[in-house]
Amino acid sequence: MHGEVAIRINSSNVLYHSVQKFSSSRNLHKNVRIKIHRTIILPVVLCGCETWSLSLRDEQRLRVFENRVLRNTFGPKRDDVTGEWRKLHNEEFRDIYSSPDFIGR
């Protein structure tokens, strides 16, 4: 399974970089960027996942991939208190993205 998960992550990474111009564009509404993620990137990484028996390492690799894609898609956020730009935390992705973790814990 390690090889299959690695192949899926690499394929999705290539796909993500080909649509990154659109998925991280601030000119597109957040909902459109979410739809790009759900309809283009997720099906490639999750193709055949029904038969996977994932180890903790594989689950972690999939989570890291998803968080990296979402972090690049939504970009930084201005802190209300300090006014400085900062990266979004993983919990904030879940609030913005409003979708369950695709690992399915």
N, C-alpha and C. Protein backbone atom coordinates (compact mmCIF):
# COMPACT_ATOMS: atom_id res chain seq x y z
N MET A 1 0.80 -1.19 0.00
CA MET A 1 0.00 0.00 0.00
C MET A 1 0.85 1.26 0.00
N HIS A 2 2.05 1.18 0.57
CA HIS A 2 2.90 2.38 0.62
C HIS A 2 3.16 2.90 -0.80
N GLY A 3 3.40 1.99 -1.70
CA GLY A 3 3.67 2.38 -3.08
C GLY A 3 2.46 3.00 -3.76
N GLU A 4 1.28 2.42 -3.53
CA GLU A 4 0.05 2.94 -4.12
C GLU A 4 -0.27 4.34 -3.59
N VAL A 5 -0.12 4.52 -2.30
CA VAL A 5 -0.38 5.84 -1.71
C VAL A 5 0.62 6.86 -2.24
N ALA A 6 1.88 6.48 -2.35
CA ALA A 6 2.90 7.39 -2.88
C ALA A 6 2.60 7.77 -4.33
N ILE A 7 2.16 6.81 -5.13
CA ILE A 7 1.81 7.10 -6.52
C ILE A 7 0.64 8.07 -6.59
N ARG A 8 -0.39 7.84 -5.77
CA ARG A 8 -1.56 8.72 -5.76
C ARG A 8 -1.19 10.14 -5.32
N ILE A 9 -0.36 10.24 -4.30
CA ILE A 9 0.05 11.57 -3.83
C ILE A 9 0.87 12.28 -4.89
N ASN A 10 1.78 11.58 -5.54
CA ASN A 10 2.59 12.19 -6.60
C ASN A 10 1.72 12.62 -7.78
N SER A 11 0.77 11.78 -8.17
CA SER A 11 -0.12 12.14 -9.28
C SER A 11 -0.96 13.36 -8.93
N SER A 12 -1.46 13.39 -7.71
CA SER A 12 -2.27 14.53 -7.27
C SER A 12 -1.44 15.79 -7.15
N ASN A 13 -0.19 15.63 -6.75
CA ASN A 13 0.71 16.77 -6.65
C ASN A 13 0.96 17.38 -8.03
N VAL A 14 1.18 16.53 -9.02
CA VAL A 14 1.37 17.02 -10.39
C VAL A 14 0.10 17.73 -10.87
N LEU A 15 -1.04 17.14 -10.61
CA LEU A 15 -2.30 17.75 -11.00
C LEU A 15 -2.53 19.07 -10.28
N TYR A 16 -2.23 19.10 -8.99
CA TYR A 16 -2.42 20.33 -8.23
C TYR A 16 -1.57 21.46 -8.80
N HIS A 17 -0.32 21.17 -9.14
CA HIS A 17 0.55 22.21 -9.68
C HIS A 17 0.10 22.67 -11.07
N SER A 18 -0.62 21.82 -11.79
CA SER A 18 -1.13 22.24 -13.09
C SER A 18 -2.34 23.16 -12.96
N VAL A 19 -3.09 23.05 -11.87
CA VAL A 19 -4.26 23.92 -11.67
C VAL A 19 -4.04 24.94 -10.55
N GLN A 20 -2.81 25.04 -10.06
CA GLN A 20 -2.52 25.92 -8.94
C GLN A 20 -2.82 27.38 -9.27
N LYS A 21 -2.64 27.78 -10.50
CA LYS A 21 -2.92 29.15 -10.91
C LYS A 21 -4.38 29.50 -10.62
N PHE A 22 -5.27 28.55 -10.82
CA PHE A 22 -6.68 28.79 -10.59
C PHE A 22 -7.08 28.55 -9.14
N SER A 23 -6.54 27.48 -8.55
CA SER A 23 -6.98 27.13 -7.20
C SER A 23 -6.47 28.09 -6.13
N SER A 24 -5.41 28.82 -6.41
CA SER A 24 -4.91 29.76 -5.42
C SER A 24 -5.15 31.22 -5.82
N SER A 25 -5.91 31.44 -6.88
CA SER A 25 -6.18 32.79 -7.34
C SER A 25 -7.12 33.51 -6.38
N ARG A 26 -6.75 34.69 -6.00
CA ARG A 26 -7.61 35.49 -5.11
C ARG A 26 -8.76 36.13 -5.87
N ASN A 27 -8.72 36.07 -7.20
CA ASN A 27 -9.81 36.61 -8.01
C ASN A 27 -11.02 35.68 -8.02
N LEU A 28 -10.80 34.41 -7.72
CA LEU A 28 -11.89 33.44 -7.66
C LEU A 28 -12.46 33.39 -6.25
N HIS A 29 -13.75 33.26 -6.16
CA HIS A 29 -14.40 33.15 -4.85
C HIS A 29 -13.96 31.87 -4.15
N LYS A 30 -13.98 31.91 -2.84
CA LYS A 30 -13.54 30.77 -2.03
C LYS A 30 -14.31 29.50 -2.40
N ASN A 31 -15.60 29.60 -2.67
CA ASN A 31 -16.40 28.42 -3.01
C ASN A 31 -15.95 27.79 -4.33
N VAL A 32 -15.52 28.59 -5.27
CA VAL A 32 -15.03 28.06 -6.55
C VAL A 32 -13.72 27.32 -6.33
N ARG A 33 -12.85 27.87 -5.49
CA ARG A 33 -11.58 27.20 -5.19
C ARG A 33 -11.82 25.88 -4.47
N ILE A 34 -12.82 25.84 -3.60
CA ILE A 34 -13.16 24.60 -2.90
C ILE A 34 -13.68 23.57 -3.90
N LYS A 35 -14.50 24.01 -4.85
CA LYS A 35 -15.02 23.08 -5.87
C LYS A 35 -13.90 22.54 -6.74
N ILE A 36 -12.92 23.36 -7.06
CA ILE A 36 -11.76 22.88 -7.82
C ILE A 36 -11.06 21.78 -7.04
N HIS A 37 -10.89 22.00 -5.75
CA HIS A 37 -10.22 21.01 -4.90
C HIS A 37 -11.02 19.71 -4.84
N ARG A 38 -12.33 19.83 -4.64
CA ARG A 38 -13.17 18.63 -4.48
C ARG A 38 -13.37 17.87 -5.78
N THR A 39 -13.45 18.55 -6.90
CA THR A 39 -13.78 17.87 -8.16
C THR A 39 -12.57 17.48 -8.99
N ILE A 40 -11.43 18.11 -8.78
CA ILE A 40 -10.27 17.81 -9.61
C ILE A 40 -9.18 17.07 -8.83
N ILE A 41 -8.84 17.56 -7.66
CA ILE A 41 -7.69 17.02 -6.93
C ILE A 41 -8.06 15.79 -6.11
N LEU A 42 -9.12 15.86 -5.32
CA LEU A 42 -9.49 14.75 -4.45
C LEU A 42 -9.79 13.44 -5.19
N PRO A 43 -10.49 13.45 -6.32
CA PRO A 43 -10.73 12.17 -6.99
C PRO A 43 -9.45 11.46 -7.43
N VAL A 44 -8.43 12.21 -7.78
CA VAL A 44 -7.18 11.58 -8.20
C VAL A 44 -6.48 10.93 -7.01
N VAL A 45 -6.44 11.61 -5.88
CA VAL A 45 -5.75 11.05 -4.72
C VAL A 45 -6.55 9.91 -4.09
N LEU A 46 -7.86 9.92 -4.22
CA LEU A 46 -8.68 8.92 -3.57
C LEU A 46 -9.15 7.79 -4.48
N CYS A 47 -8.70 7.76 -5.71
CA CYS A 47 -9.11 6.71 -6.64
C CYS A 47 -8.65 5.35 -6.13
N GLY A 48 -9.58 4.46 -5.89
CA GLY A 48 -9.27 3.13 -5.41
C GLY A 48 -9.04 3.04 -3.92
N CYS A 49 -9.31 4.10 -3.18
CA CYS A 49 -9.00 4.11 -1.75
C CYS A 49 -9.90 3.17 -0.94
N GLU A 50 -10.98 2.70 -1.52
CA GLU A 50 -11.87 1.80 -0.79
C GLU A 50 -11.17 0.50 -0.42
N THR A 51 -10.16 0.13 -1.18
CA THR A 51 -9.47 -1.14 -0.94
C THR A 51 -8.18 -0.97 -0.14
N TRP A 52 -7.83 0.25 0.23
CA TRP A 52 -6.59 0.48 0.95
C TRP A 52 -6.74 0.09 2.41
N SER A 53 -5.70 -0.50 2.95
CA SER A 53 -5.59 -0.66 4.41
C SER A 53 -4.39 0.19 4.81
N LEU A 54 -4.68 1.37 5.31
CA LEU A 54 -3.65 2.37 5.54
C LEU A 54 -2.93 2.18 6.86
N SER A 55 -1.64 2.38 6.83
CA SER A 55 -0.87 2.44 8.06
C SER A 55 -0.93 3.88 8.58
N LEU A 56 -0.48 4.10 9.79
CA LEU A 56 -0.47 5.45 10.35
C LEU A 56 0.42 6.37 9.52
N ARG A 57 1.50 5.82 9.01
CA ARG A 57 2.40 6.62 8.16
C ARG A 57 1.71 7.08 6.89
N ASP A 58 0.96 6.18 6.26
CA ASP A 58 0.24 6.55 5.04
C ASP A 58 -0.85 7.59 5.33
N GLU A 59 -1.56 7.42 6.43
CA GLU A 59 -2.58 8.40 6.82
C GLU A 59 -1.95 9.77 7.03
N GLN A 60 -0.81 9.79 7.69
CA GLN A 60 -0.11 11.05 7.94
C GLN A 60 0.32 11.70 6.63
N ARG A 61 0.82 10.91 5.69
CA ARG A 61 1.24 11.45 4.39
C ARG A 61 0.06 12.05 3.64
N LEU A 62 -1.09 11.39 3.70
CA LEU A 62 -2.28 11.93 3.04
C LEU A 62 -2.76 13.21 3.70
N ARG A 63 -2.72 13.26 5.03
CA ARG A 63 -3.11 14.48 5.74
C ARG A 63 -2.17 15.64 5.42
N VAL A 64 -0.88 15.36 5.39
CA VAL A 64 0.09 16.40 5.07
C VAL A 64 -0.16 16.94 3.67
N PHE A 65 -0.43 16.05 2.72
CA PHE A 65 -0.72 16.49 1.35
C PHE A 65 -1.96 17.38 1.32
N GLU A 66 -3.03 16.93 1.97
CA GLU A 66 -4.26 17.73 1.95
C GLU A 66 -4.06 19.08 2.62
N ASN A 67 -3.38 19.11 3.76
CA ASN A 67 -3.15 20.38 4.44
C ASN A 67 -2.29 21.32 3.62
N ARG A 68 -1.30 20.77 2.93
CA ARG A 68 -0.45 21.61 2.09
C ARG A 68 -1.24 22.22 0.94
N VAL A 69 -2.09 21.41 0.31
CA VAL A 69 -2.91 21.92 -0.79
C VAL A 69 -3.89 22.98 -0.28
N LEU A 70 -4.54 22.72 0.85
CA LEU A 70 -5.48 23.70 1.39
C LEU A 70 -4.77 24.97 1.85
N ARG A 71 -3.59 24.83 2.44
CA ARG A 71 -2.84 26.01 2.87
C ARG A 71 -2.48 26.89 1.68
N ASN A 72 -2.09 26.27 0.58
CA ASN A 72 -1.78 27.05 -0.63
C ASN A 72 -3.04 27.60 -1.28
N THR A 73 -4.13 26.88 -1.19
CA THR A 73 -5.38 27.33 -1.81
C THR A 73 -5.94 28.54 -1.09
N PHE A 74 -5.96 28.50 0.24
CA PHE A 74 -6.58 29.59 1.00
C PHE A 74 -5.61 30.70 1.36
N GLY A 75 -4.32 30.43 1.31
CA GLY A 75 -3.33 31.46 1.55
C GLY A 75 -3.25 31.90 3.00
N PRO A 76 -2.47 32.96 3.25
CA PRO A 76 -2.31 33.43 4.62
C PRO A 76 -3.52 34.22 5.09
N LYS A 77 -3.55 34.47 6.39
CA LYS A 77 -4.65 35.23 6.99
C LYS A 77 -4.04 36.33 7.84
N ARG A 78 -4.67 37.49 7.82
CA ARG A 78 -4.20 38.60 8.64
C ARG A 78 -4.73 38.43 10.05
N ASP A 79 -3.83 38.45 11.01
CA ASP A 79 -4.19 38.31 12.41
C ASP A 79 -4.93 39.57 12.86
N ASP A 80 -6.07 39.40 13.52
CA ASP A 80 -6.88 40.55 13.95
C ASP A 80 -6.19 41.37 15.03
N VAL A 81 -5.44 40.74 15.89
CA VAL A 81 -4.82 41.43 17.02
C VAL A 81 -3.55 42.17 16.59
N THR A 82 -2.64 41.45 15.95
CA THR A 82 -1.34 42.04 15.62
C THR A 82 -1.31 42.69 14.24
N GLY A 83 -2.21 42.29 13.35
CA GLY A 83 -2.22 42.82 12.00
C GLY A 83 -1.20 42.19 11.09
N GLU A 84 -0.50 41.17 11.57
CA GLU A 84 0.51 40.49 10.76
C GLU A 84 -0.11 39.32 10.01
N TRP A 85 0.52 38.98 8.88
CA TRP A 85 0.07 37.83 8.11
C TRP A 85 0.63 36.57 8.74
N ARG A 86 -0.18 35.51 8.76
CA ARG A 86 0.25 34.24 9.31
C ARG A 86 -0.39 33.10 8.53
N LYS A 87 0.22 31.91 8.65
CA LYS A 87 -0.34 30.73 8.02
C LYS A 87 -1.58 30.29 8.79
N LEU A 88 -2.51 29.69 8.08
CA LEU A 88 -3.69 29.13 8.73
C LEU A 88 -3.33 27.85 9.47
N HIS A 89 -3.96 27.64 10.59
CA HIS A 89 -3.76 26.40 11.33
C HIS A 89 -4.69 25.33 10.76
N ASN A 90 -4.37 24.07 11.01
CA ASN A 90 -5.14 22.96 10.46
C ASN A 90 -6.61 23.03 10.87
N GLU A 91 -6.90 23.45 12.09
CA GLU A 91 -8.28 23.54 12.54
C GLU A 91 -9.04 24.62 11.76
N GLU A 92 -8.34 25.68 11.38
CA GLU A 92 -8.97 26.75 10.61
C GLU A 92 -9.33 26.27 9.20
N PHE A 93 -8.52 25.37 8.65
CA PHE A 93 -8.87 24.79 7.35
C PHE A 93 -10.21 24.08 7.43
N ARG A 94 -10.40 23.32 8.49
CA ARG A 94 -11.63 22.55 8.64
C ARG A 94 -12.83 23.49 8.76
N ASP A 95 -12.65 24.64 9.41
CA ASP A 95 -13.75 25.60 9.52
C ASP A 95 -14.07 26.23 8.16
N ILE A 96 -13.05 26.60 7.42
CA ILE A 96 -13.25 27.23 6.11
C ILE A 96 -13.75 26.21 5.11
N TYR A 97 -13.12 25.07 5.09
CA TYR A 97 -13.40 24.04 4.09
C TYR A 97 -14.71 23.33 4.38
N SER A 98 -15.09 23.26 5.64
CA SER A 98 -16.35 22.66 6.11
C SER A 98 -16.63 21.29 5.49
N SER A 99 -15.60 20.48 5.44
CA SER A 99 -15.73 19.13 4.94
C SER A 99 -14.97 18.21 5.88
N PRO A 100 -15.47 17.00 6.08
CA PRO A 100 -14.76 16.08 6.98
C PRO A 100 -13.39 15.69 6.40
N ASP A 101 -12.54 15.29 7.28
CA ASP A 101 -11.22 14.82 6.90
C ASP A 101 -11.39 13.64 5.95
N PHE A 102 -10.71 13.66 4.80
CA PHE A 102 -10.96 12.61 3.82
C PHE A 102 -10.34 11.28 4.23
N ILE A 103 -9.54 11.27 5.28
CA ILE A 103 -9.01 10.01 5.78
C ILE A 103 -10.12 9.22 6.47
N GLY A 104 -11.05 9.92 7.10
CA GLY A 104 -12.21 9.28 7.68
C GLY A 104 -12.00 8.70 9.06
N ARG A 105 -11.25 9.40 9.86
CA ARG A 105 -11.05 8.94 11.25
C ARG A 105 -12.31 9.07 12.03
